[in-house]
Amino acid sequence: MPQPHRATGPVGPGAGPFTERTPRVAAARALLRRQGRERAGRFLAEGSQAVGEAVGWATGSAGHRGGLHELFVTDRAAARHPELVAAAADAGARISRVTEAAAAGLSATTTPQGLVAVCRALPVPAQRAVAGTRLIVVLAGVADPGNAGTVIRVADAAGAGAVLLAGQAVDPHNGKCVRASTGSVFHLPLAVVHEVRDAVRICRGAGLQVLAADGATGADLDDVADAGVLDRPTAWLFGSEAHGLAPELLSGSDVVDAVVAVPLHGRAESLNLATAAAVCLYSSARAHRRRAAKDPIA
């Protein structure tokens, strides 16, 4: 049986794990707030799933080396996940033993797992994120971290090239967003753009058409797909679940190329954001695969 990786921490006779009052733990706890994350350029990834993805991210590309700064781990978690702790150390992370109380103070969940990684901020410049891609997601003013994280997960699953968080959108480093993405925040480029129209311009500059998803005013997605519109490289624009997209974003070809609605064949009033995004993104992904099969050099 593999032995637990020996975590570093306080040294000296009788030294124990870090407590919630230890300065390193207190500094990490500040990353639970957006202001603290923005000031430090770091964020927390909590739990074995997220930490595992963070390790893969930190070791999978030269550009991400050094992105995993520290892993706080309880003795119980180290015994349960020795390979993960060892992999984090191999990725260059400082391994710091903490008490259960300290780990709980770094957690935003009701059942902390005792594993919390401190990672370098993820977003890249938007122009770089969209370059050479055929499928992009733009989240316009999506403020709910659970919704944003789930759409990032859907985008990853559908093979999208990047996600842009535009306007008054949630911080992608928000703990709930990271958890809802189930690690997908580490899989594809994320970019933060302060104005939605700027995000649209960036996408258009990269040769992408912009399709806005709106259940109330859009053309039927099936009709749009049958007409071949989805064959083109596309940026899908999604609004918040509570308010949708602003009317000024839906009117005028200078903003979007088309407004599209997922058809509702039953009696449901609407779809939630993540479900609508999944239908739209998979429709585009299918159209792109079919086109590539017919014309590999297109």
C-alpha atoms as a PDB file:
ATOM      1  CA  MET A   1       0.000   0.000   0.000  1.00  0.00           C
ATOM      2  CA  PRO A   2       1.432   3.425  -0.903  1.00  0.00           C
ATOM      3  CA  GLN A   3       2.471   5.507   2.073  1.00  0.00           C
ATOM      4  CA  PRO A   4       0.916   8.978   2.562  1.00  0.00           C
ATOM      5  CA  HIS A   5       3.097  11.752   1.185  1.00  0.00           C
ATOM      6  CA  ARG A   6       4.836  13.545   4.035  1.00  0.00           C
ATOM      7  CA  ALA A   7       3.298  17.017   4.114  1.00  0.00           C
ATOM      8  CA  THR A   8       5.381  20.006   5.082  1.00  0.00           C
ATOM      9  CA  GLY A   9       4.348  22.458   7.761  1.00  0.00           C
ATOM     10  CA  PRO A  10       5.628  23.852  11.039  1.00  0.00           C
ATOM     11  CA  VAL A  11       8.959  22.370  12.022  1.00  0.00           C
ATOM     12  CA  GLY A  12      10.630  21.912  15.367  1.00  0.00           C
ATOM     13  CA  PRO A  13       9.993  19.814  18.460  1.00  0.00           C
ATOM     14  CA  GLY A  14       6.309  19.187  18.983  1.00  0.00           C
ATOM     15  CA  ALA A  15       5.336  21.168  15.886  1.00  0.00           C
ATOM     16  CA  GLY A  16       1.836  20.391  14.680  1.00  0.00           C
ATOM     17  CA  PRO A  17      -0.206  21.224  11.590  1.00  0.00           C
ATOM     18  CA  PHE A  18      -1.170  24.768  10.672  1.00  0.00           C
ATOM     19  CA  THR A  19      -4.199  26.147  12.478  1.00  0.00           C
ATOM     20  CA  GLU A  20      -6.787  28.670  11.343  1.00  0.00           C
ATOM     21  CA  ARG A  21      -4.651  31.395  12.961  1.00  0.00           C
ATOM     22  CA  THR A  22      -1.507  30.554  10.996  1.00  0.00           C
ATOM     23  CA  PRO A  23      -0.697  33.480   8.670  1.00  0.00           C
ATOM     24  CA  ARG A  24      -0.515  31.261   5.550  1.00  0.00           C
ATOM     25  CA  VAL A  25      -3.973  29.867   6.283  1.00  0.00           C
ATOM     26  CA  ALA A  26      -5.351  33.343   6.999  1.00  0.00           C
ATOM     27  CA  ALA A  27      -3.937  34.616   3.700  1.00  0.00           C
ATOM     28  CA  ALA A  28      -5.538  31.730   1.841  1.00  0.00           C
ATOM     29  CA  ARG A  29      -8.852  32.335   3.599  1.00  0.00           C
ATOM     30  CA  ALA A  30      -8.914  35.829   2.048  1.00  0.00           C
ATOM     31  CA  LEU A  31      -9.207  34.089  -1.337  1.00  0.00           C
ATOM     32  CA  LEU A  32     -12.776  33.103  -0.461  1.00  0.00           C
ATOM     33  CA  ARG A  33     -13.697  36.714  -1.338  1.00  0.00           C
ATOM     34  CA  ARG A  34     -13.534  38.135  -4.847  1.00  0.00           C
ATOM     35  CA  GLN A  35     -11.579  41.171  -3.719  1.00  0.00           C
ATOM     36  CA  GLY A  36      -8.968  38.952  -2.126  1.00  0.00           C
ATOM     37  CA  ARG A  37      -8.698  36.786  -5.229  1.00  0.00           C
ATOM     38  CA  GLU A  38      -8.295  39.766  -7.523  1.00  0.00           C
ATOM     39  CA  ARG A  39      -5.673  41.330  -5.265  1.00  0.00           C
ATOM     40  CA  ALA A  40      -3.620  38.139  -5.035  1.00  0.00           C
ATOM     41  CA  GLY A  41      -4.215  36.784  -8.529  1.00  0.00           C
ATOM     42  CA  ARG A  42      -4.971  33.408  -6.933  1.00  0.00           C
ATOM     43  CA  PHE A  43      -7.991  31.278  -6.045  1.00  0.00           C
ATOM     44  CA  LEU A  44      -8.929  28.127  -4.151  1.00  0.00           C
ATOM     45  CA  ALA A  45      -9.809  24.728  -5.600  1.00  0.00           C
ATOM     46  CA  GLU A  46     -11.399  22.471  -3.007  1.00  0.00           C
ATOM     47  CA  GLY A  47     -11.884  18.728  -2.853  1.00  0.00           C
ATOM     48  CA  SER A  48     -10.238  15.745  -4.516  1.00  0.00           C
ATOM     49  CA  GLN A  49     -11.928  16.277  -7.905  1.00  0.00           C
ATOM     50  CA  ALA A  50     -10.939  19.929  -8.255  1.00  0.00           C
ATOM     51  CA  VAL A  51      -7.472  19.408  -6.800  1.00  0.00           C
ATOM     52  CA  GLY A  52      -6.871  16.512  -9.186  1.00  0.00           C
ATOM     53  CA  GLU A  53      -7.853  18.687 -12.136  1.00  0.00           C
ATOM     54  CA  ALA A  54      -5.638  21.490 -10.834  1.00  0.00           C
ATOM     55  CA  VAL A  55      -2.695  19.099 -10.679  1.00  0.00           C
ATOM     56  CA  GLY A  56      -3.349  17.999 -14.253  1.00  0.00           C
ATOM     57  CA  TRP A  57      -3.602  21.622 -15.355  1.00  0.00           C
ATOM     58  CA  ALA A  58      -0.349  22.568 -13.623  1.00  0.00           C
ATOM     59  CA  THR A  59       1.543  19.687 -15.218  1.00  0.00           C
ATOM     60  CA  GLY A  60      -0.133  19.485 -18.611  1.00  0.00           C
ATOM     61  CA  SER A  61       1.336  22.579 -20.254  1.00  0.00           C
ATOM     62  CA  ALA A  62       4.566  24.510 -19.851  1.00  0.00           C
ATOM     63  CA  GLY A  63       2.519  27.711 -19.645  1.00  0.00           C
ATOM     64  CA  HIS A  64       0.812  26.443 -16.500  1.00  0.00           C
ATOM     65  CA  ARG A  65       3.943  25.315 -14.645  1.00  0.00           C
ATOM     66  CA  GLY A  66       4.059  26.865 -11.225  1.00  0.00           C
ATOM     67  CA  GLY A  67       0.320  27.530 -11.309  1.00  0.00           C
ATOM     68  CA  LEU A  68      -0.352  25.259  -8.329  1.00  0.00           C
ATOM     69  CA  HIS A  69       1.154  27.174  -5.417  1.00  0.00           C
ATOM     70  CA  GLU A  70       0.139  25.265  -2.301  1.00  0.00           C
ATOM     71  CA  LEU A  71      -1.958  22.373  -1.105  1.00  0.00           C
ATOM     72  CA  PHE A  72      -3.470  22.527   2.368  1.00  0.00           C
ATOM     73  CA  VAL A  73      -4.267  19.017   3.520  1.00  0.00           C
ATOM     74  CA  THR A  74      -5.440  17.423   6.755  1.00  0.00           C
ATOM     75  CA  ASP A  75      -3.774  14.263   8.012  1.00  0.00           C
ATOM     76  CA  ARG A  76      -7.008  12.360   7.383  1.00  0.00           C
ATOM     77  CA  ALA A  77      -7.188  13.575   3.761  1.00  0.00           C
ATOM     78  CA  ALA A  78      -3.487  12.858   3.190  1.00  0.00           C
ATOM     79  CA  ALA A  79      -4.021   9.274   4.305  1.00  0.00           C
ATOM     80  CA  ARG A  80      -7.046   8.952   2.033  1.00  0.00           C
ATOM     81  CA  HIS A  81      -5.420  10.528  -1.064  1.00  0.00           C
ATOM     82  CA  PRO A  82      -1.667   9.860  -0.863  1.00  0.00           C
ATOM     83  CA  GLU A  83      -1.194   9.706  -4.645  1.00  0.00           C
ATOM     84  CA  LEU A  84      -2.932  13.051  -5.111  1.00  0.00           C
ATOM     85  CA  VAL A  85      -0.803  14.720  -2.442  1.00  0.00           C
ATOM     86  CA  ALA A  86       2.336  13.289  -4.006  1.00  0.00           C
ATOM     87  CA  ALA A  87       1.259  14.464  -7.470  1.00  0.00           C
ATOM     88  CA  ALA A  88       0.665  17.977  -6.152  1.00  0.00           C
ATOM     89  CA  ALA A  89       4.156  17.985  -4.664  1.00  0.00           C
ATOM     90  CA  ASP A  90       5.589  16.774  -7.971  1.00  0.00           C
ATOM     91  CA  ALA A  91       3.735  19.658  -9.664  1.00  0.00           C
ATOM     92  CA  GLY A  92       5.708  22.071  -7.511  1.00  0.00           C
ATOM     93  CA  ALA A  93       3.102  22.826  -4.861  1.00  0.00           C
ATOM     94  CA  ARG A  94       4.061  23.425  -1.269  1.00  0.00           C
ATOM     95  CA  ILE A  95       2.296  20.782   0.846  1.00  0.00           C
ATOM     96  CA  SER A  96       1.062  22.210   4.144  1.00  0.00           C
ATOM     97  CA  ARG A  97      -0.556  20.136   6.872  1.00  0.00           C
ATOM     98  CA  VAL A  98      -3.568  21.809   8.470  1.00  0.00           C
ATOM     99  CA  THR A  99      -5.993  21.000  11.239  1.00  0.00           C
ATOM    100  CA  GLU A 100      -9.561  19.995  10.475  1.00  0.00           C
ATOM    101  CA  ALA A 101     -10.715  23.388  11.749  1.00  0.00           C
ATOM    102  CA  ALA A 102      -8.288  25.214   9.471  1.00  0.00           C
ATOM    103  CA  ALA A 103      -9.470  23.182   6.479  1.00  0.00           C
ATOM    104  CA  ALA A 104     -13.090  23.959   7.357  1.00  0.00           C
ATOM    105  CA  GLY A 105     -12.225  27.657   7.445  1.00  0.00           C
ATOM    106  CA  LEU A 106     -10.935  27.411   3.871  1.00  0.00           C
ATOM    107  CA  SER A 107     -14.045  25.592   2.695  1.00  0.00           C
ATOM    108  CA  ALA A 108     -17.317  26.922   1.363  1.00  0.00           C
ATOM    109  CA  THR A 109     -19.031  23.532   1.659  1.00  0.00           C
ATOM    110  CA  THR A 110     -20.888  21.887   4.515  1.00  0.00           C
ATOM    111  CA  THR A 111     -18.714  18.749   4.329  1.00  0.00           C
ATOM    112  CA  PRO A 112     -15.072  19.793   3.768  1.00  0.00           C
ATOM    113  CA  GLN A 113     -12.818  17.088   2.305  1.00  0.00           C
ATOM    114  CA  GLY A 114      -9.636  18.460   3.860  1.00  0.00           C
ATOM    115  CA  LEU A 115      -7.971  19.245   0.515  1.00  0.00           C
ATOM    116  CA  VAL A 116      -7.670  22.864  -0.637  1.00  0.00           C
ATOM    117  CA  ALA A 117      -5.292  24.016  -3.381  1.00  0.00           C
ATOM    118  CA  VAL A 118      -4.114  27.571  -3.977  1.00  0.00           C
ATOM    119  CA  CYS A 119      -3.928  28.134  -7.749  1.00  0.00           C
ATOM    120  CA  ARG A 120      -2.857  30.930 -10.041  1.00  0.00           C
ATOM    121  CA  ALA A 121      -5.714  32.890 -11.638  1.00  0.00           C
ATOM    122  CA  LEU A 122      -7.016  31.255 -14.819  1.00  0.00           C
ATOM    123  CA  PRO A 123      -8.279  33.873 -17.318  1.00  0.00           C
ATOM    124  CA  VAL A 124      -6.327  34.654 -20.471  1.00  0.00           C
ATOM    125  CA  PRO A 125      -6.764  37.597 -22.893  1.00  0.00           C
ATOM    126  CA  ALA A 126      -9.994  37.201 -24.841  1.00  0.00           C
ATOM    127  CA  GLN A 127      -8.319  37.537 -28.239  1.00  0.00           C
ATOM    128  CA  ARG A 128      -6.024  34.649 -27.393  1.00  0.00           C
ATOM    129  CA  ALA A 129      -8.888  32.557 -26.017  1.00  0.00           C
ATOM    130  CA  VAL A 130     -10.955  32.724 -29.212  1.00  0.00           C
ATOM    131  CA  ALA A 131      -8.142  32.521 -31.770  1.00  0.00           C
ATOM    132  CA  GLY A 132      -8.483  29.530 -34.090  1.00  0.00           C
ATOM    133  CA  THR A 133     -11.669  28.207 -32.494  1.00  0.00           C
ATOM    134  CA  ARG A 134     -14.949  27.132 -34.086  1.00  0.00           C
ATOM    135  CA  LEU A 135     -17.220  27.135 -31.036  1.00  0.00           C
ATOM    136  CA  ILE A 136     -17.256  29.713 -28.243  1.00  0.00           C
ATOM    137  CA  VAL A 137     -19.555  30.480 -25.306  1.00  0.00           C
ATOM    138  CA  VAL A 138     -20.184  34.043 -24.168  1.00  0.00           C
ATOM    139  CA  LEU A 139     -21.917  34.335 -20.790  1.00  0.00           C
ATOM    140  CA  ALA A 140     -23.465  37.811 -20.746  1.00  0.00           C
ATOM    141  CA  GLY A 141     -24.159  39.003 -17.222  1.00  0.00           C
ATOM    142  CA  VAL A 142     -24.556  35.480 -15.807  1.00  0.00           C
ATOM    143  CA  ALA A 143     -24.114  36.244 -12.119  1.00  0.00           C
ATOM    144  CA  ASP A 144     -25.102  32.914 -10.559  1.00  0.00           C
ATOM    145  CA  PRO A 145     -21.907  30.917  -9.943  1.00  0.00           C
ATOM    146  CA  GLY A 146     -23.676  27.563 -10.091  1.00  0.00           C
ATOM    147  CA  ASN A 147     -25.171  28.359 -13.489  1.00  0.00           C
ATOM    148  CA  ALA A 148     -21.887  29.703 -14.832  1.00  0.00           C
ATOM    149  CA  GLY A 149     -19.917  26.706 -13.623  1.00  0.00           C
ATOM    150  CA  THR A 150     -22.419  24.259 -15.083  1.00  0.00           C
ATOM    151  CA  VAL A 151     -22.340  26.006 -18.478  1.00  0.00           C
ATOM    152  CA  ILE A 152     -18.525  25.906 -18.421  1.00  0.00           C
ATOM    153  CA  ARG A 153     -18.824  22.159 -17.828  1.00  0.00           C
ATOM    154  CA  VAL A 154     -21.276  21.837 -20.725  1.00  0.00           C
ATOM    155  CA  ALA A 155     -19.008  23.888 -22.999  1.00  0.00           C
ATOM    156  CA  ASP A 156     -16.111  21.613 -22.136  1.00  0.00           C
ATOM    157  CA  ALA A 157     -18.165  18.483 -22.807  1.00  0.00           C
ATOM    158  CA  ALA A 158     -19.406  19.801 -26.155  1.00  0.00           C
ATOM    159  CA  GLY A 159     -15.878  20.606 -27.292  1.00  0.00           C
ATOM    160  CA  ALA A 160     -16.109  24.396 -27.198  1.00  0.00           C
ATOM    161  CA  GLY A 161     -12.812  26.231 -27.539  1.00  0.00           C
ATOM    162  CA  ALA A 162     -13.298  28.848 -24.817  1.00  0.00           C
ATOM    163  CA  VAL A 163     -15.742  30.624 -22.528  1.00  0.00           C
ATOM    164  CA  LEU A 164     -15.921  34.407 -22.242  1.00  0.00           C
ATOM    165  CA  LEU A 165     -17.537  35.865 -19.110  1.00  0.00           C
ATOM    166  CA  ALA A 166     -18.806  39.272 -20.150  1.00  0.00           C
ATOM    167  CA  GLY A 167     -20.490  42.229 -18.512  1.00  0.00           C
ATOM    168  CA  GLN A 168     -21.585  41.835 -14.895  1.00  0.00           C
ATOM    169  CA  ALA A 169     -20.725  38.146 -14.916  1.00  0.00           C
ATOM    170  CA  VAL A 170     -19.614  36.030 -11.985  1.00  0.00           C
ATOM    171  CA  ASP A 171     -15.941  35.604 -11.185  1.00  0.00           C
ATOM    172  CA  PRO A 172     -14.970  32.199 -12.657  1.00  0.00           C
ATOM    173  CA  HIS A 173     -12.780  31.647  -9.577  1.00  0.00           C
ATOM    174  CA  ASN A 174     -15.802  31.739  -7.271  1.00  0.00           C
ATOM    175  CA  GLY A 175     -15.748  28.529  -5.243  1.00  0.00           C
ATOM    176  CA  LYS A 176     -19.250  27.475  -6.246  1.00  0.00           C
ATOM    177  CA  CYS A 177     -18.440  28.122  -9.914  1.00  0.00           C
ATOM    178  CA  VAL A 178     -15.288  26.009  -9.683  1.00  0.00           C
ATOM    179  CA  ARG A 179     -17.210  23.169  -8.004  1.00  0.00           C
ATOM    180  CA  ALA A 180     -20.126  23.325 -10.449  1.00  0.00           C
ATOM    181  CA  SER A 181     -17.701  23.049 -13.359  1.00  0.00           C
ATOM    182  CA  THR A 182     -16.380  19.762 -11.868  1.00  0.00           C
ATOM    183  CA  GLY A 183     -12.898  20.792 -12.932  1.00  0.00           C
ATOM    184  CA  SER A 184     -13.754  22.085 -16.392  1.00  0.00           C
ATOM    185  CA  VAL A 185     -12.443  25.544 -15.455  1.00  0.00           C
ATOM    186  CA  PHE A 186      -9.005  23.935 -15.845  1.00  0.00           C
ATOM    187  CA  HIS A 187      -9.762  22.376 -19.246  1.00  0.00           C
ATOM    188  CA  LEU A 188     -10.494  25.257 -21.585  1.00  0.00           C
ATOM    189  CA  PRO A 189      -9.489  28.916 -21.852  1.00  0.00           C
ATOM    190  CA  LEU A 190     -11.541  31.389 -19.839  1.00  0.00           C
ATOM    191  CA  ALA A 191     -11.542  35.128 -20.459  1.00  0.00           C
ATOM    192  CA  VAL A 192     -13.189  38.013 -18.623  1.00  0.00           C
ATOM    193  CA  VAL A 193     -14.484  40.907 -20.752  1.00  0.00           C
ATOM    194  CA  HIS A 194     -16.001  43.938 -19.029  1.00  0.00           C
ATOM    195  CA  GLU A 195     -18.504  44.822 -21.794  1.00  0.00           C
ATOM    196  CA  VAL A 196     -20.690  42.325 -23.646  1.00  0.00           C
ATOM    197  CA  ARG A 197     -20.398  44.290 -26.892  1.00  0.00           C
ATOM    198  CA  ASP A 198     -16.613  44.094 -26.617  1.00  0.00           C
ATOM    199  CA  ALA A 199     -16.864  40.317 -26.295  1.00  0.00           C
ATOM    200  CA  VAL A 200     -19.070  40.212 -29.391  1.00  0.00           C
ATOM    201  CA  ARG A 201     -16.594  42.336 -31.344  1.00  0.00           C
ATOM    202  CA  ILE A 202     -13.725  40.069 -30.324  1.00  0.00           C
ATOM    203  CA  CYS A 203     -15.631  37.006 -31.485  1.00  0.00           C
ATOM    204  CA  ARG A 204     -16.522  38.597 -34.793  1.00  0.00           C
ATOM    205  CA  GLY A 205     -12.926  39.677 -35.252  1.00  0.00           C
ATOM    206  CA  ALA A 206     -11.951  36.014 -34.958  1.00  0.00           C
ATOM    207  CA  GLY A 207     -14.346  35.104 -37.785  1.00  0.00           C
ATOM    208  CA  LEU A 208     -17.168  33.772 -35.618  1.00  0.00           C
ATOM    209  CA  GLN A 209     -20.834  34.410 -36.202  1.00  0.00           C
ATOM    210  CA  VAL A 210     -22.700  35.383 -33.044  1.00  0.00           C
ATOM    211  CA  LEU A 211     -25.941  33.589 -32.229  1.00  0.00           C
ATOM    212  CA  ALA A 212     -27.990  34.785 -29.267  1.00  0.00           C
ATOM    213  CA  ALA A 213     -30.094  32.262 -27.373  1.00  0.00           C
ATOM    214  CA  ASP A 214     -33.503  33.670 -26.471  1.00  0.00           C
ATOM    215  CA  GLY A 215     -36.565  31.515 -25.976  1.00  0.00           C
ATOM    216  CA  ALA A 216     -39.062  34.344 -26.411  1.00  0.00           C
ATOM    217  CA  THR A 217     -37.977  35.927 -29.677  1.00  0.00           C
ATOM    218  CA  GLY A 218     -35.649  33.493 -31.406  1.00  0.00           C
ATOM    219  CA  ALA A 219     -36.025  31.440 -34.554  1.00  0.00           C
ATOM    220  CA  ASP A 220     -36.506  27.701 -34.060  1.00  0.00           C
ATOM    221  CA  LEU A 221     -33.151  25.996 -33.478  1.00  0.00           C
ATOM    222  CA  ASP A 222     -34.161  23.057 -35.681  1.00  0.00           C
ATOM    223  CA  ASP A 223     -34.939  25.396 -38.575  1.00  0.00           C
ATOM    224  CA  VAL A 224     -31.650  27.221 -38.082  1.00  0.00           C
ATOM    225  CA  ALA A 225     -29.764  23.921 -38.096  1.00  0.00           C
ATOM    226  CA  ASP A 226     -31.602  22.672 -41.194  1.00  0.00           C
ATOM    227  CA  ALA A 227     -30.687  25.889 -43.019  1.00  0.00           C
ATOM    228  CA  GLY A 228     -26.986  25.197 -42.437  1.00  0.00           C
ATOM    229  CA  VAL A 229     -26.427  28.206 -40.199  1.00  0.00           C
ATOM    230  CA  LEU A 230     -24.805  26.089 -37.508  1.00  0.00           C
ATOM    231  CA  ASP A 231     -22.154  24.829 -39.924  1.00  0.00           C
ATOM    232  CA  ARG A 232     -20.239  28.082 -39.491  1.00  0.00           C
ATOM    233  CA  PRO A 233     -17.805  28.858 -36.637  1.00  0.00           C
ATOM    234  CA  THR A 234     -20.059  30.199 -33.901  1.00  0.00           C
ATOM    235  CA  ALA A 235     -20.059  32.130 -30.670  1.00  0.00           C
ATOM    236  CA  TRP A 236     -23.196  31.412 -28.647  1.00  0.00           C
ATOM    237  CA  LEU A 237     -24.387  34.292 -26.475  1.00  0.00           C
ATOM    238  CA  PHE A 238     -26.294  33.291 -23.326  1.00  0.00           C
ATOM    239  CA  GLY A 239     -27.881  35.596 -20.761  1.00  0.00           C
ATOM    240  CA  SER A 240     -28.706  35.071 -17.124  1.00  0.00           C
ATOM    241  CA  GLU A 241     -31.412  32.621 -16.160  1.00  0.00           C
ATOM    242  CA  ALA A 242     -33.320  35.328 -14.283  1.00  0.00           C
ATOM    243  CA  HIS A 243     -33.262  38.112 -16.878  1.00  0.00           C
ATOM    244  CA  GLY A 244     -32.047  36.673 -20.161  1.00  0.00           C
ATOM    245  CA  LEU A 245     -30.276  38.897 -22.659  1.00  0.00           C
ATOM    246  CA  ALA A 246     -30.824  42.651 -22.736  1.00  0.00           C
ATOM    247  CA  PRO A 247     -33.179  43.736 -25.555  1.00  0.00           C
ATOM    248  CA  GLU A 248     -30.495  45.958 -27.093  1.00  0.00           C
ATOM    249  CA  LEU A 249     -28.316  42.885 -27.594  1.00  0.00           C
ATOM    250  CA  LEU A 250     -31.055  41.100 -29.508  1.00  0.00           C
ATOM    251  CA  SER A 251     -31.865  43.854 -31.972  1.00  0.00           C
ATOM    252  CA  GLY A 252     -29.698  44.872 -34.882  1.00  0.00           C
ATOM    253  CA  SER A 253     -27.287  42.844 -36.972  1.00  0.00           C
ATOM    254  CA  ASP A 254     -24.418  44.937 -35.620  1.00  0.00           C
ATOM    255  CA  VAL A 255     -24.712  42.994 -32.356  1.00  0.00           C
ATOM    256  CA  VAL A 256     -25.780  39.438 -33.226  1.00  0.00           C
ATOM    257  CA  ASP A 257     -26.209  37.561 -36.494  1.00  0.00           C
ATOM    258  CA  ALA A 258     -29.351  35.718 -35.391  1.00  0.00           C
ATOM    259  CA  VAL A 259     -31.528  35.084 -32.356  1.00  0.00           C
ATOM    260  CA  VAL A 260     -32.299  31.410 -31.778  1.00  0.00           C
ATOM    261  CA  ALA A 261     -34.727  29.551 -29.508  1.00  0.00           C
ATOM    262  CA  VAL A 262     -34.671  25.916 -28.411  1.00  0.00           C
ATOM    263  CA  PRO A 263     -38.094  24.523 -29.422  1.00  0.00           C
ATOM    264  CA  LEU A 264     -40.378  23.345 -26.633  1.00  0.00           C
ATOM    265  CA  HIS A 265     -42.483  20.426 -27.817  1.00  0.00           C
ATOM    266  CA  GLY A 266     -44.150  19.718 -24.487  1.00  0.00           C
ATOM    267  CA  ARG A 267     -45.891  21.877 -21.912  1.00  0.00           C
ATOM    268  CA  ALA A 268     -42.800  23.148 -20.075  1.00  0.00           C
ATOM    269  CA  GLU A 269     -42.683  26.926 -19.987  1.00  0.00           C
ATOM    270  CA  SER A 270     -38.934  27.139 -20.492  1.00  0.00           C
ATOM    271  CA  LEU A 271     -35.549  25.446 -20.062  1.00  0.00           C
ATOM    272  CA  ASN A 272     -32.948  26.386 -17.509  1.00  0.00           C
ATOM    273  CA  LEU A 273     -29.763  28.036 -18.718  1.00  0.00           C
ATOM    274  CA  ALA A 274     -27.501  24.995 -18.600  1.00  0.00           C
ATOM    275  CA  THR A 275     -29.988  22.774 -20.427  1.00  0.00           C
ATOM    276  CA  ALA A 276     -30.593  25.346 -23.170  1.00  0.00           C
ATOM    277  CA  ALA A 277     -26.838  25.846 -23.524  1.00  0.00           C
ATOM    278  CA  ALA A 278     -26.294  22.096 -23.816  1.00  0.00           C
ATOM    279  CA  VAL A 279     -28.858  21.774 -26.611  1.00  0.00           C
ATOM    280  CA  CYS A 280     -27.428  24.731 -28.543  1.00  0.00           C
ATOM    281  CA  LEU A 281     -23.785  23.746 -28.144  1.00  0.00           C
ATOM    282  CA  TYR A 282     -24.311  20.118 -29.055  1.00  0.00           C
ATOM    283  CA  SER A 283     -26.323  21.167 -32.108  1.00  0.00           C
ATOM    284  CA  SER A 284     -23.390  23.299 -33.254  1.00  0.00           C
ATOM    285  CA  ALA A 285     -20.857  20.587 -32.428  1.00  0.00           C
ATOM    286  CA  ARG A 286     -22.830  18.040 -34.450  1.00  0.00           C
ATOM    287  CA  ALA A 287     -23.080  20.427 -37.401  1.00  0.00           C
ATOM    288  CA  HIS A 288     -19.329  21.055 -37.279  1.00  0.00           C
ATOM    289  CA  ARG A 289     -18.526  17.335 -37.201  1.00  0.00           C
ATOM    290  CA  ARG A 290     -20.821  16.616 -40.117  1.00  0.00           C
ATOM    291  CA  ARG A 291     -19.324  19.435 -42.155  1.00  0.00           C
ATOM    292  CA  ALA A 292     -15.792  18.283 -41.355  1.00  0.00           C
ATOM    293  CA  ALA A 293     -16.662  14.752 -42.449  1.00  0.00           C
ATOM    294  CA  LYS A 294     -17.942  16.024 -45.806  1.00  0.00           C
ATOM    295  CA  ASP A 295     -15.170  18.565 -46.371  1.00  0.00           C
ATOM    296  CA  PRO A 296     -12.111  17.835 -44.193  1.00  0.00           C
ATOM    297  CA  ILE A 297     -10.235  20.962 -45.354  1.00  0.00           C
ATOM    298  CA  ALA A 298     -13.132  23.374 -44.718  1.00  0.00           C
END
